[in-house]
Amino acid sequence: MTRGMPSLAALLGLLAIAGYQNRDKIGELLKGVTNPGGAPDAPGDTSLTGALKNISGSGDPLKTIQGGLAEVIDRFRNAGQGAAADSWVAKGPNEPISPKHTESALGPDLIDMLTERTGLSREELLSRLSKVLPEAVDKLTPDGRLPAA
């Protein structure tokens, strides 16, 4: 599995756009994508899966999400926010993250690329990501650990 920026950008772009406005639908999408043989239930999920494929250039949404997830956690750990990121993966309550810490962890180049691709302002993108990342990572790691590569 490639753990490059396309997976990270796809995951974050999806969360910034779809995750913020459609938390219930993104939860169903993530369940459908991460459960082999499971199909998303909500009608909007197919378009979200298509959007994920389009952003990442990958035909496999599961690999895209897994690669992006691992890199998100690595970036937060490397930026001194490991306790918060680890709480999202572990079972139990999720520590919140501020937009400032989100920006620091993701870096200016990735934030610039995401604002360009999503059409969101820098402030709105960071606000959305800081709100949805803890919940999304938590839902993608129901067993309290990152998915195997």
N, C-alpha and C. Protein backbone atom coordinates (compact mmCIF):
# COMPACT_ATOMS: atom_id res chain seq x y z
N MET A 1 0.85 -1.17 0.00
CA MET A 1 0.00 0.00 0.00
C MET A 1 0.89 1.23 0.00
N THR A 2 0.56 2.19 -0.82
CA THR A 2 1.29 3.44 -0.88
C THR A 2 0.71 4.39 0.14
N ARG A 3 1.58 4.94 0.98
CA ARG A 3 1.14 5.90 1.99
C ARG A 3 1.57 7.28 1.58
N GLY A 4 1.15 7.73 0.42
CA GLY A 4 1.56 9.03 -0.07
C GLY A 4 0.49 10.06 0.09
N MET A 5 0.81 11.23 -0.40
CA MET A 5 -0.11 12.35 -0.26
C MET A 5 -1.44 12.15 -0.97
N PRO A 6 -1.55 11.41 -2.09
CA PRO A 6 -2.87 11.25 -2.69
C PRO A 6 -3.89 10.61 -1.75
N SER A 7 -3.48 9.61 -0.98
CA SER A 7 -4.39 8.99 -0.03
C SER A 7 -4.77 9.95 1.08
N LEU A 8 -3.80 10.67 1.58
CA LEU A 8 -4.05 11.64 2.64
C LEU A 8 -4.96 12.75 2.14
N ALA A 9 -4.67 13.28 0.97
CA ALA A 9 -5.49 14.35 0.41
C ALA A 9 -6.92 13.88 0.15
N ALA A 10 -7.06 12.66 -0.34
CA ALA A 10 -8.40 12.13 -0.61
C ALA A 10 -9.20 11.99 0.67
N LEU A 11 -8.59 11.43 1.69
CA LEU A 11 -9.29 11.26 2.96
C LEU A 11 -9.68 12.60 3.56
N LEU A 12 -8.74 13.53 3.61
CA LEU A 12 -9.03 14.83 4.21
C LEU A 12 -10.02 15.63 3.39
N GLY A 13 -9.90 15.58 2.07
CA GLY A 13 -10.87 16.27 1.22
C GLY A 13 -12.27 15.74 1.40
N LEU A 14 -12.38 14.43 1.47
CA LEU A 14 -13.68 13.81 1.68
C LEU A 14 -14.26 14.22 3.03
N LEU A 15 -13.45 14.20 4.06
CA LEU A 15 -13.93 14.59 5.38
C LEU A 15 -14.31 16.06 5.44
N ALA A 16 -13.53 16.91 4.79
CA ALA A 16 -13.82 18.35 4.83
C ALA A 16 -15.12 18.68 4.14
N ILE A 17 -15.37 18.04 3.02
CA ILE A 17 -16.59 18.35 2.26
C ILE A 17 -17.77 17.51 2.74
N ALA A 18 -17.66 16.22 2.59
CA ALA A 18 -18.80 15.35 2.88
C ALA A 18 -18.96 15.08 4.37
N GLY A 19 -17.85 14.91 5.06
CA GLY A 19 -17.93 14.55 6.47
C GLY A 19 -18.56 15.61 7.33
N TYR A 20 -18.26 16.82 7.05
CA TYR A 20 -18.78 17.91 7.87
C TYR A 20 -20.29 18.09 7.68
N GLN A 21 -20.72 18.05 6.45
CA GLN A 21 -22.13 18.31 6.17
C GLN A 21 -23.00 17.06 6.27
N ASN A 22 -22.41 15.90 6.12
CA ASN A 22 -23.17 14.66 6.06
C ASN A 22 -22.57 13.61 6.99
N ARG A 23 -22.46 13.93 8.25
CA ARG A 23 -21.80 13.01 9.18
C ARG A 23 -22.45 11.64 9.19
N ASP A 24 -23.78 11.58 9.11
CA ASP A 24 -24.44 10.28 9.10
C ASP A 24 -24.10 9.51 7.84
N LYS A 25 -24.07 10.17 6.71
CA LYS A 25 -23.75 9.49 5.45
C LYS A 25 -22.28 9.06 5.40
N ILE A 26 -21.38 9.89 5.91
CA ILE A 26 -19.97 9.53 5.88
C ILE A 26 -19.73 8.31 6.79
N GLY A 27 -20.46 8.23 7.89
CA GLY A 27 -20.34 7.06 8.75
C GLY A 27 -20.76 5.79 8.03
N GLU A 28 -21.86 5.88 7.28
CA GLU A 28 -22.31 4.73 6.51
C GLU A 28 -21.32 4.38 5.40
N LEU A 29 -20.77 5.39 4.75
CA LEU A 29 -19.78 5.15 3.71
C LEU A 29 -18.57 4.43 4.29
N LEU A 30 -18.07 4.93 5.42
CA LEU A 30 -16.90 4.32 6.02
C LEU A 30 -17.17 2.90 6.46
N LYS A 31 -18.36 2.63 6.99
CA LYS A 31 -18.71 1.25 7.35
C LYS A 31 -18.75 0.37 6.12
N GLY A 32 -19.34 0.86 5.04
CA GLY A 32 -19.43 0.08 3.81
C GLY A 32 -18.08 -0.17 3.18
N VAL A 33 -17.20 0.81 3.23
CA VAL A 33 -15.89 0.67 2.61
C VAL A 33 -14.97 -0.21 3.44
N THR A 34 -15.05 -0.11 4.76
CA THR A 34 -14.13 -0.86 5.60
C THR A 34 -14.61 -2.26 5.94
N ASN A 35 -15.87 -2.58 5.68
CA ASN A 35 -16.37 -3.93 5.89
C ASN A 35 -16.42 -4.66 4.56
N PRO A 36 -15.48 -5.58 4.30
CA PRO A 36 -15.52 -6.30 3.04
C PRO A 36 -16.86 -6.97 2.86
N GLY A 37 -17.42 -6.81 1.69
CA GLY A 37 -18.71 -7.40 1.39
C GLY A 37 -19.87 -6.55 1.83
N GLY A 38 -19.60 -5.53 2.64
CA GLY A 38 -20.65 -4.65 3.11
C GLY A 38 -20.88 -3.57 2.07
N ALA A 39 -22.13 -3.21 1.88
CA ALA A 39 -22.45 -2.17 0.90
C ALA A 39 -23.02 -0.98 1.63
N PRO A 40 -22.66 0.22 1.21
CA PRO A 40 -23.25 1.41 1.81
C PRO A 40 -24.77 1.40 1.61
N ASP A 41 -25.49 1.88 2.61
CA ASP A 41 -26.94 1.86 2.55
C ASP A 41 -27.54 3.14 1.98
N ALA A 42 -26.96 4.26 2.34
CA ALA A 42 -27.56 5.55 1.96
C ALA A 42 -27.34 5.84 0.49
N PRO A 43 -28.33 6.42 -0.19
CA PRO A 43 -28.19 6.71 -1.61
C PRO A 43 -27.02 7.61 -1.94
N GLY A 44 -26.65 8.55 -1.08
CA GLY A 44 -25.54 9.45 -1.35
C GLY A 44 -24.18 8.79 -1.24
N ASP A 45 -24.12 7.60 -0.66
CA ASP A 45 -22.83 6.96 -0.44
C ASP A 45 -22.11 6.63 -1.73
N THR A 46 -22.83 6.24 -2.75
CA THR A 46 -22.18 5.91 -4.02
C THR A 46 -21.45 7.12 -4.57
N SER A 47 -22.05 8.28 -4.49
CA SER A 47 -21.38 9.47 -5.00
C SER A 47 -20.17 9.83 -4.14
N LEU A 48 -20.24 9.58 -2.82
CA LEU A 48 -19.09 9.84 -1.97
C LEU A 48 -17.95 8.89 -2.31
N THR A 49 -18.26 7.64 -2.57
CA THR A 49 -17.23 6.68 -2.98
C THR A 49 -16.62 7.13 -4.29
N GLY A 50 -17.44 7.58 -5.22
CA GLY A 50 -16.93 8.09 -6.49
C GLY A 50 -16.04 9.30 -6.29
N ALA A 51 -16.43 10.17 -5.38
CA ALA A 51 -15.61 11.36 -5.09
C ALA A 51 -14.27 10.95 -4.51
N LEU A 52 -14.26 9.95 -3.65
CA LEU A 52 -13.02 9.48 -3.06
C LEU A 52 -12.10 8.91 -4.13
N LYS A 53 -12.66 8.12 -5.05
CA LYS A 53 -11.86 7.57 -6.15
C LYS A 53 -11.31 8.69 -7.02
N ASN A 54 -12.14 9.70 -7.28
CA ASN A 54 -11.73 10.81 -8.13
C ASN A 54 -10.60 11.62 -7.51
N ILE A 55 -10.70 11.93 -6.23
CA ILE A 55 -9.66 12.72 -5.56
C ILE A 55 -8.36 11.97 -5.50
N SER A 56 -8.42 10.67 -5.20
CA SER A 56 -7.20 9.90 -4.98
C SER A 56 -6.62 9.33 -6.26
N GLY A 57 -7.44 9.17 -7.29
CA GLY A 57 -6.98 8.51 -8.51
C GLY A 57 -6.87 7.01 -8.32
N SER A 58 -7.38 6.51 -7.21
CA SER A 58 -7.30 5.09 -6.90
C SER A 58 -8.62 4.41 -7.17
N GLY A 59 -8.55 3.18 -7.63
CA GLY A 59 -9.76 2.40 -7.84
C GLY A 59 -10.18 1.66 -6.59
N ASP A 60 -9.41 1.75 -5.51
CA ASP A 60 -9.70 1.00 -4.30
C ASP A 60 -9.87 1.96 -3.12
N PRO A 61 -11.12 2.32 -2.79
CA PRO A 61 -11.36 3.25 -1.70
C PRO A 61 -10.81 2.77 -0.36
N LEU A 62 -10.83 1.47 -0.10
CA LEU A 62 -10.32 0.95 1.17
C LEU A 62 -8.83 1.24 1.33
N LYS A 63 -8.05 1.00 0.29
CA LYS A 63 -6.61 1.28 0.36
C LYS A 63 -6.35 2.77 0.49
N THR A 64 -7.15 3.57 -0.18
CA THR A 64 -7.01 5.02 -0.08
C THR A 64 -7.26 5.48 1.34
N ILE A 65 -8.33 5.01 1.95
CA ILE A 65 -8.66 5.41 3.31
C ILE A 65 -7.61 4.90 4.29
N GLN A 66 -7.19 3.64 4.16
CA GLN A 66 -6.19 3.10 5.08
C GLN A 66 -4.88 3.86 4.99
N GLY A 67 -4.42 4.16 3.77
CA GLY A 67 -3.18 4.91 3.60
C GLY A 67 -3.29 6.31 4.15
N GLY A 68 -4.40 6.96 3.88
CA GLY A 68 -4.62 8.31 4.40
C GLY A 68 -4.73 8.33 5.91
N LEU A 69 -5.39 7.34 6.47
CA LEU A 69 -5.56 7.26 7.91
C LEU A 69 -4.21 7.12 8.62
N ALA A 70 -3.37 6.22 8.13
CA ALA A 70 -2.06 6.02 8.74
C ALA A 70 -1.22 7.30 8.66
N GLU A 71 -1.30 7.99 7.54
CA GLU A 71 -0.51 9.22 7.40
C GLU A 71 -1.05 10.34 8.28
N VAL A 72 -2.36 10.43 8.43
CA VAL A 72 -2.94 11.44 9.33
C VAL A 72 -2.39 11.24 10.74
N ILE A 73 -2.44 10.01 11.22
CA ILE A 73 -1.96 9.73 12.57
C ILE A 73 -0.48 10.05 12.69
N ASP A 74 0.31 9.64 11.72
CA ASP A 74 1.75 9.94 11.73
C ASP A 74 2.02 11.44 11.78
N ARG A 75 1.30 12.20 10.98
CA ARG A 75 1.52 13.65 10.95
C ARG A 75 1.18 14.30 12.29
N PHE A 76 0.10 13.88 12.92
CA PHE A 76 -0.25 14.44 14.22
C PHE A 76 0.76 14.03 15.28
N ARG A 77 1.22 12.81 15.23
CA ARG A 77 2.26 12.37 16.19
C ARG A 77 3.53 13.19 16.01
N ASN A 78 3.96 13.37 14.77
CA ASN A 78 5.19 14.11 14.48
C ASN A 78 5.08 15.59 14.83
N ALA A 79 3.86 16.11 14.91
CA ALA A 79 3.65 17.52 15.25
C ALA A 79 3.40 17.72 16.74
N GLY A 80 3.66 16.69 17.54
CA GLY A 80 3.49 16.82 18.98
C GLY A 80 2.07 16.63 19.47
N GLN A 81 1.20 16.12 18.61
CA GLN A 81 -0.20 15.90 18.96
C GLN A 81 -0.53 14.41 19.01
N GLY A 82 0.48 13.61 19.35
CA GLY A 82 0.31 12.16 19.38
C GLY A 82 -0.73 11.68 20.37
N ALA A 83 -0.80 12.31 21.54
CA ALA A 83 -1.78 11.89 22.55
C ALA A 83 -3.20 12.04 22.01
N ALA A 84 -3.46 13.15 21.35
CA ALA A 84 -4.80 13.37 20.78
C ALA A 84 -5.07 12.35 19.68
N ALA A 85 -4.14 12.19 18.74
CA ALA A 85 -4.33 11.26 17.63
C ALA A 85 -4.49 9.83 18.13
N ASP A 86 -3.69 9.45 19.11
CA ASP A 86 -3.79 8.10 19.66
C ASP A 86 -5.14 7.88 20.35
N SER A 87 -5.70 8.93 20.94
CA SER A 87 -7.01 8.79 21.59
C SER A 87 -8.11 8.53 20.57
N TRP A 88 -7.93 9.03 19.34
CA TRP A 88 -8.94 8.80 18.30
C TRP A 88 -8.93 7.35 17.86
N VAL A 89 -7.75 6.74 17.87
CA VAL A 89 -7.61 5.34 17.46
C VAL A 89 -8.06 4.42 18.59
N ALA A 90 -7.65 4.72 19.81
CA ALA A 90 -7.95 3.86 20.96
C ALA A 90 -9.43 3.89 21.30
N LYS A 91 -9.85 2.87 22.00
CA LYS A 91 -11.22 2.85 22.50
C LYS A 91 -11.32 3.86 23.64
N GLY A 92 -12.46 4.51 23.74
CA GLY A 92 -12.64 5.52 24.77
C GLY A 92 -12.87 6.88 24.15
N PRO A 93 -12.87 7.93 25.00
CA PRO A 93 -13.16 9.27 24.50
C PRO A 93 -12.06 9.80 23.58
N ASN A 94 -12.48 10.63 22.64
CA ASN A 94 -11.56 11.25 21.68
C ASN A 94 -11.19 12.64 22.17
N GLU A 95 -9.88 12.91 22.22
CA GLU A 95 -9.44 14.26 22.57
C GLU A 95 -9.71 15.18 21.39
N PRO A 96 -10.17 16.40 21.65
CA PRO A 96 -10.39 17.35 20.56
C PRO A 96 -9.05 17.88 20.05
N ILE A 97 -9.12 18.47 18.88
CA ILE A 97 -7.93 19.10 18.27
C ILE A 97 -8.34 20.48 17.77
N SER A 98 -7.49 21.43 17.92
CA SER A 98 -7.80 22.79 17.49
C SER A 98 -7.45 22.98 16.01
N PRO A 99 -8.07 23.96 15.36
CA PRO A 99 -7.68 24.27 13.98
C PRO A 99 -6.19 24.60 13.87
N LYS A 100 -5.64 25.29 14.87
CA LYS A 100 -4.22 25.64 14.86
C LYS A 100 -3.34 24.38 14.85
N HIS A 101 -3.67 23.41 15.70
CA HIS A 101 -2.91 22.17 15.74
C HIS A 101 -3.12 21.33 14.47
N THR A 102 -4.31 21.40 13.92
CA THR A 102 -4.59 20.69 12.66
C THR A 102 -3.71 21.25 11.56
N GLU A 103 -3.63 22.57 11.48
CA GLU A 103 -2.80 23.21 10.46
C GLU A 103 -1.33 22.85 10.65
N SER A 104 -0.88 22.86 11.87
CA SER A 104 0.52 22.53 12.16
C SER A 104 0.84 21.08 11.76
N ALA A 105 -0.06 20.17 12.06
CA ALA A 105 0.18 18.76 11.75
C ALA A 105 0.13 18.47 10.25
N LEU A 106 -0.80 19.09 9.55
CA LEU A 106 -0.97 18.78 8.13
C LEU A 106 -0.01 19.56 7.25
N GLY A 107 0.41 20.72 7.68
CA GLY A 107 1.38 21.50 6.93
C GLY A 107 0.75 22.41 5.89
N PRO A 108 1.44 23.51 5.57
CA PRO A 108 0.88 24.52 4.67
C PRO A 108 0.67 24.03 3.24
N ASP A 109 1.53 23.18 2.72
CA ASP A 109 1.37 22.71 1.34
C ASP A 109 0.10 21.89 1.17
N LEU A 110 -0.15 20.97 2.11
CA LEU A 110 -1.35 20.15 2.03
C LEU A 110 -2.60 20.99 2.24
N ILE A 111 -2.56 21.92 3.18
CA ILE A 111 -3.71 22.79 3.43
C ILE A 111 -3.99 23.63 2.18
N ASP A 112 -2.95 24.18 1.55
CA ASP A 112 -3.15 24.96 0.32
C ASP A 112 -3.79 24.11 -0.78
N MET A 113 -3.30 22.88 -0.94
CA MET A 113 -3.85 22.00 -1.97
C MET A 113 -5.33 21.69 -1.68
N LEU A 114 -5.64 21.43 -0.42
CA LEU A 114 -7.03 21.10 -0.06
C LEU A 114 -7.96 22.30 -0.22
N THR A 115 -7.49 23.50 0.10
CA THR A 115 -8.35 24.67 -0.10
C THR A 115 -8.62 24.88 -1.58
N GLU A 116 -7.61 24.64 -2.39
CA GLU A 116 -7.79 24.78 -3.84
C GLU A 116 -8.77 23.73 -4.38
N ARG A 117 -8.62 22.50 -3.95
CA ARG A 117 -9.48 21.42 -4.47
C ARG A 117 -10.89 21.45 -3.92
N THR A 118 -11.06 21.91 -2.68
CA THR A 118 -12.40 21.90 -2.09
C THR A 118 -13.16 23.20 -2.29
N GLY A 119 -12.43 24.29 -2.54
CA GLY A 119 -13.08 25.58 -2.67
C GLY A 119 -13.41 26.22 -1.33
N LEU A 120 -12.98 25.61 -0.24
CA LEU A 120 -13.22 26.15 1.09
C LEU A 120 -12.11 27.14 1.44
N SER A 121 -12.44 28.11 2.27
CA SER A 121 -11.40 29.00 2.78
C SER A 121 -10.50 28.20 3.72
N ARG A 122 -9.32 28.70 3.94
CA ARG A 122 -8.36 28.05 4.85
C ARG A 122 -9.00 27.87 6.24
N GLU A 123 -9.62 28.92 6.74
CA GLU A 123 -10.22 28.88 8.07
C GLU A 123 -11.35 27.86 8.14
N GLU A 124 -12.20 27.84 7.13
CA GLU A 124 -13.33 26.89 7.12
C GLU A 124 -12.82 25.46 7.01
N LEU A 125 -11.85 25.22 6.15
CA LEU A 125 -11.28 23.88 6.00
C LEU A 125 -10.71 23.39 7.33
N LEU A 126 -9.90 24.22 7.99
CA LEU A 126 -9.28 23.82 9.25
C LEU A 126 -10.32 23.62 10.35
N SER A 127 -11.34 24.46 10.36
CA SER A 127 -12.41 24.30 11.34
C SER A 127 -13.13 22.98 11.14
N ARG A 128 -13.47 22.68 9.91
CA ARG A 128 -14.18 21.43 9.61
C ARG A 128 -13.32 20.21 9.95
N LEU A 129 -12.07 20.22 9.51
CA LEU A 129 -11.21 19.07 9.77
C LEU A 129 -10.99 18.86 11.26
N SER A 130 -10.82 19.94 12.02
CA SER A 130 -10.60 19.77 13.45
C SER A 130 -11.83 19.19 14.15
N LYS A 131 -13.00 19.39 13.57
CA LYS A 131 -14.22 18.84 14.15
C LYS A 131 -14.47 17.39 13.73
N VAL A 132 -14.18 17.04 12.48
CA VAL A 132 -14.55 15.70 11.99
C VAL A 132 -13.44 14.67 12.08
N LEU A 133 -12.18 15.09 12.14
CA LEU A 133 -11.09 14.11 12.20
C LEU A 133 -11.19 13.17 13.39
N PRO A 134 -11.37 13.66 14.62
CA PRO A 134 -11.43 12.71 15.74
C PRO A 134 -12.52 11.65 15.56
N GLU A 135 -13.70 12.06 15.15
CA GLU A 135 -14.81 11.12 14.98
C GLU A 135 -14.55 10.16 13.81
N ALA A 136 -14.03 10.67 12.71
CA ALA A 136 -13.78 9.82 11.55
C ALA A 136 -12.72 8.78 11.85
N VAL A 137 -11.62 9.19 12.48
CA VAL A 137 -10.56 8.23 12.82
C VAL A 137 -11.12 7.19 13.78
N ASP A 138 -11.91 7.63 14.75
CA ASP A 138 -12.52 6.71 15.71
C ASP A 138 -13.37 5.66 15.00
N LYS A 139 -14.18 6.09 14.02
CA LYS A 139 -15.04 5.15 13.30
C LYS A 139 -14.24 4.20 12.40
N LEU A 140 -13.10 4.66 11.92
CA LEU A 140 -12.27 3.82 11.06
C LEU A 140 -11.40 2.84 11.85
N THR A 141 -11.36 3.01 13.16
CA THR A 141 -10.54 2.14 14.00
C THR A 141 -11.37 1.55 15.13
N PRO A 142 -12.45 0.83 14.82
CA PRO A 142 -13.35 0.34 15.87
C PRO A 142 -12.69 -0.66 16.81
N ASP A 143 -11.62 -1.31 16.39
CA ASP A 143 -10.94 -2.27 17.24
C ASP A 143 -9.84 -1.64 18.09
N GLY A 144 -9.69 -0.32 18.00
CA GLY A 144 -8.70 0.38 18.80
C GLY A 144 -7.28 0.30 18.23
N ARG A 145 -7.18 0.04 16.93
CA ARG A 145 -5.87 0.00 16.28
C ARG A 145 -6.03 0.35 14.81
N LEU A 146 -4.92 0.82 14.22
CA LEU A 146 -4.94 1.14 12.80
C LEU A 146 -5.11 -0.14 11.99
N PRO A 147 -5.80 -0.07 10.85
CA PRO A 147 -5.96 -1.25 10.00
C PRO A 147 -4.59 -1.75 9.50
N ALA A 148 -4.49 -3.05 9.32
CA ALA A 148 -3.26 -3.64 8.80
C ALA A 148 -3.05 -3.20 7.37
N ALA A 149 -1.78 -3.04 7.00
CA ALA A 149 -1.43 -2.60 5.65
C ALA A 149 -1.74 -3.69 4.64
